[in-house]
Amino acid sequence: MLQGWFLWFILFWVVVLVSLMAIGGFFMFRKFLKSLPKQDGRSDLDWQNIYIEKTVHLWGEKEKELLNELVSPVPDLFRQVAKEKIAGKIGEIALKEKAKSINHDLIIKGYIQATPKRDHKFLRKKLDELSIDVTPYEHYFE
C-alpha cells in the first residue's frame, strides 16, 4: 500500500492533471462550438474568415498598426485569435456599410463590438492610452 509522502505526491499530481485536462477540454469545446455550422451552413469561424478575405485589400499599413496596437494587451498566446476575431468583425461592418477602405472609425466600432463585455473596462483603458475619444461610440458598449 501507498503510505506517507508518496501517497500525497501521487494525489497531488492526479488533481493537477485532471484540472489541466478539464481546462484544456473547456477551451477545445468552445472552439468546437464555434466551428459547428449554423442554419445557413457556415460556422462563426467560416464567416469570420469570409469577412477577412473579402476586406483584406481595404486595409492600409496605418490601420494594421492600429489593430496591432489595440490587441497588444492580449497575452501572446491568444493575440492572433483576438486579432482575427476583431478583423472579422471590422470586415463585417465594412461590408455592411459598403466602405471603400478600412478607416479609424470602422476599427474602433469593430474593436468594441468584437470584445466581450467583461473586457470593456480594459478596452476603455487601452483607448484612453491611445487618446481616442469613446464618446461617439458609447452606444456600442451596451
Protein backbone atom coordinates (compact mmCIF):
# COMPACT_ATOMS: atom_id res chain seq x y z
CA MET A 1 0.00 0.00 0.00
CA LEU A 2 0.99 3.59 -0.59
CA GLN A 3 1.82 5.50 2.56
CA GLY A 4 3.25 8.80 3.67
CA TRP A 5 4.59 11.45 1.37
CA PHE A 6 4.44 9.30 -1.79
CA LEU A 7 0.66 8.93 -1.45
CA TRP A 8 0.30 12.73 -1.20
CA PHE A 9 2.64 13.19 -4.16
CA ILE A 10 0.53 10.89 -6.34
CA LEU A 11 -2.74 12.51 -5.21
CA PHE A 12 -1.34 15.98 -5.91
CA TRP A 13 -0.41 15.04 -9.48
CA VAL A 14 -3.76 13.36 -10.08
CA VAL A 15 -5.52 16.60 -9.08
CA VAL A 16 -3.17 18.76 -11.18
CA LEU A 17 -3.52 16.60 -14.30
CA VAL A 18 -7.30 16.32 -14.04
CA SER A 19 -7.55 20.10 -13.57
CA LEU A 20 -5.33 20.84 -16.56
CA MET A 21 -7.25 18.40 -18.74
CA ALA A 22 -10.55 19.99 -17.69
CA ILE A 23 -9.31 23.48 -18.53
CA GLY A 24 -7.98 22.37 -21.91
CA GLY A 25 -11.19 20.49 -22.65
CA PHE A 26 -13.23 23.59 -21.87
CA PHE A 27 -11.33 25.69 -24.42
CA MET A 28 -11.42 22.92 -27.02
CA PHE A 29 -15.18 22.57 -26.55
CA ARG A 30 -15.66 26.33 -27.04
CA LYS A 31 -13.67 26.18 -30.28
CA PHE A 32 -15.71 23.15 -31.36
CA LEU A 33 -18.98 25.04 -30.79
CA LYS A 34 -17.73 27.97 -32.91
CA SER A 35 -16.89 25.59 -35.75
CA LEU A 36 -20.35 23.98 -35.87
CA PRO A 37 -22.40 25.03 -38.91
CA LYS A 38 -25.40 27.27 -38.29
CA GLN A 39 -28.69 27.27 -40.26
CA ASP A 40 -27.01 28.88 -43.25
CA GLY A 41 -24.48 26.03 -43.44
CA ARG A 42 -21.49 28.07 -42.26
CA SER A 43 -19.93 28.36 -38.84
CA ASP A 44 -18.95 31.52 -36.98
CA LEU A 45 -15.31 30.82 -37.89
CA ASP A 46 -16.24 30.39 -41.57
CA TRP A 47 -17.98 33.76 -41.62
CA GLN A 48 -15.07 35.39 -39.82
CA ASN A 49 -12.67 34.09 -42.48
CA ILE A 50 -15.01 35.18 -45.30
CA TYR A 51 -15.19 38.73 -43.93
CA ILE A 52 -11.42 38.88 -43.59
CA GLU A 53 -10.83 37.56 -47.14
CA LYS A 54 -13.35 39.97 -48.70
CA THR A 55 -11.88 43.03 -46.96
CA VAL A 56 -8.15 42.28 -46.81
CA HIS A 57 -7.49 44.63 -49.73
CA LEU A 58 -9.18 47.51 -47.86
CA TRP A 59 -6.57 47.58 -45.08
CA GLY A 60 -3.73 50.11 -45.12
CA GLU A 61 -0.50 49.99 -43.14
CA LYS A 62 -1.65 52.58 -40.59
CA GLU A 63 -4.86 50.63 -39.96
CA LYS A 64 -2.93 47.38 -39.48
CA GLU A 65 -0.63 49.13 -37.00
CA LEU A 66 -3.64 50.47 -35.08
CA LEU A 67 -5.16 46.99 -34.89
CA ASN A 68 -1.85 45.57 -33.66
CA GLU A 69 -1.67 48.30 -31.03
CA LEU A 70 -5.23 47.63 -29.88
CA VAL A 71 -4.60 43.91 -29.36
CA SER A 72 -1.23 44.44 -27.66
CA PRO A 73 -2.68 43.94 -24.12
CA VAL A 74 -3.89 40.46 -25.09
CA PRO A 75 -1.46 37.72 -23.97
CA ASP A 76 0.77 36.43 -26.81
CA LEU A 77 -0.86 33.01 -26.76
CA PHE A 78 -4.29 34.45 -27.62
CA ARG A 79 -3.29 37.58 -29.56
CA GLN A 80 -3.60 36.11 -33.07
CA VAL A 81 -7.05 34.69 -32.33
CA ALA A 82 -8.18 38.03 -30.89
CA LYS A 83 -6.79 39.90 -33.90
CA GLU A 84 -8.62 37.60 -36.32
CA LYS A 85 -11.89 37.94 -34.41
CA ILE A 86 -11.64 41.74 -34.35
CA ALA A 87 -10.57 41.91 -38.02
CA GLY A 88 -13.52 39.69 -38.94
CA LYS A 89 -15.95 41.98 -37.13
CA ILE A 90 -14.37 45.05 -38.76
CA GLY A 91 -14.72 43.35 -42.15
CA GLU A 92 -18.36 42.54 -41.46
CA ILE A 93 -19.10 46.18 -40.57
CA ALA A 94 -17.15 47.43 -43.60
CA LEU A 95 -19.17 45.20 -45.94
CA LYS A 96 -22.47 46.26 -44.37
CA GLU A 97 -21.54 49.93 -44.71
CA LYS A 98 -20.06 49.37 -48.20
CA ALA A 99 -16.84 51.09 -47.13
CA LYS A 100 -14.20 51.91 -49.74
CA SER A 101 -11.43 51.35 -47.21
CA ILE A 102 -10.96 50.43 -43.57
CA ASN A 103 -10.73 53.59 -41.52
CA HIS A 104 -10.18 54.60 -37.91
CA ASP A 105 -13.93 54.73 -37.20
CA LEU A 106 -14.56 51.19 -38.50
CA ILE A 107 -11.65 49.82 -36.48
CA ILE A 108 -12.95 51.31 -33.22
CA LYS A 109 -16.51 50.08 -33.90
CA GLY A 110 -15.30 46.57 -34.71
CA TYR A 111 -12.93 46.54 -31.76
CA ILE A 112 -15.72 47.40 -29.33
CA GLN A 113 -18.26 45.01 -30.85
CA ALA A 114 -15.83 42.06 -31.06
CA THR A 115 -14.64 42.46 -27.46
CA PRO A 116 -16.62 40.60 -24.77
CA LYS A 117 -18.49 42.87 -22.34
CA ARG A 118 -16.42 41.61 -19.41
CA ASP A 119 -13.32 43.13 -21.08
CA HIS A 120 -14.80 46.55 -21.83
CA LYS A 121 -13.03 48.05 -18.81
CA PHE A 122 -9.64 47.08 -20.30
CA LEU A 123 -10.80 48.19 -23.74
CA ARG A 124 -11.67 51.68 -22.44
CA LYS A 125 -8.30 51.86 -20.68
CA LYS A 126 -6.45 51.00 -23.91
CA LEU A 127 -8.45 53.56 -25.90
CA ASP A 128 -7.65 56.19 -23.25
CA GLU A 129 -3.94 55.34 -23.52
CA LEU A 130 -4.17 55.96 -27.27
CA SER A 131 -6.06 59.25 -26.68
CA ILE A 132 -9.11 58.01 -28.56
CA ASP A 133 -12.39 59.66 -27.54
CA VAL A 134 -15.03 56.99 -26.91
CA THR A 135 -17.96 59.41 -26.64
CA PRO A 136 -19.20 58.77 -30.22
CA TYR A 137 -19.03 55.02 -29.59
CA GLU A 138 -20.80 54.81 -26.20
CA HIS A 139 -23.85 53.08 -27.67
CA TYR A 140 -21.65 50.17 -28.81
CA PHE A 141 -20.70 49.41 -25.20
CA GLU A 142 -24.26 48.38 -24.32
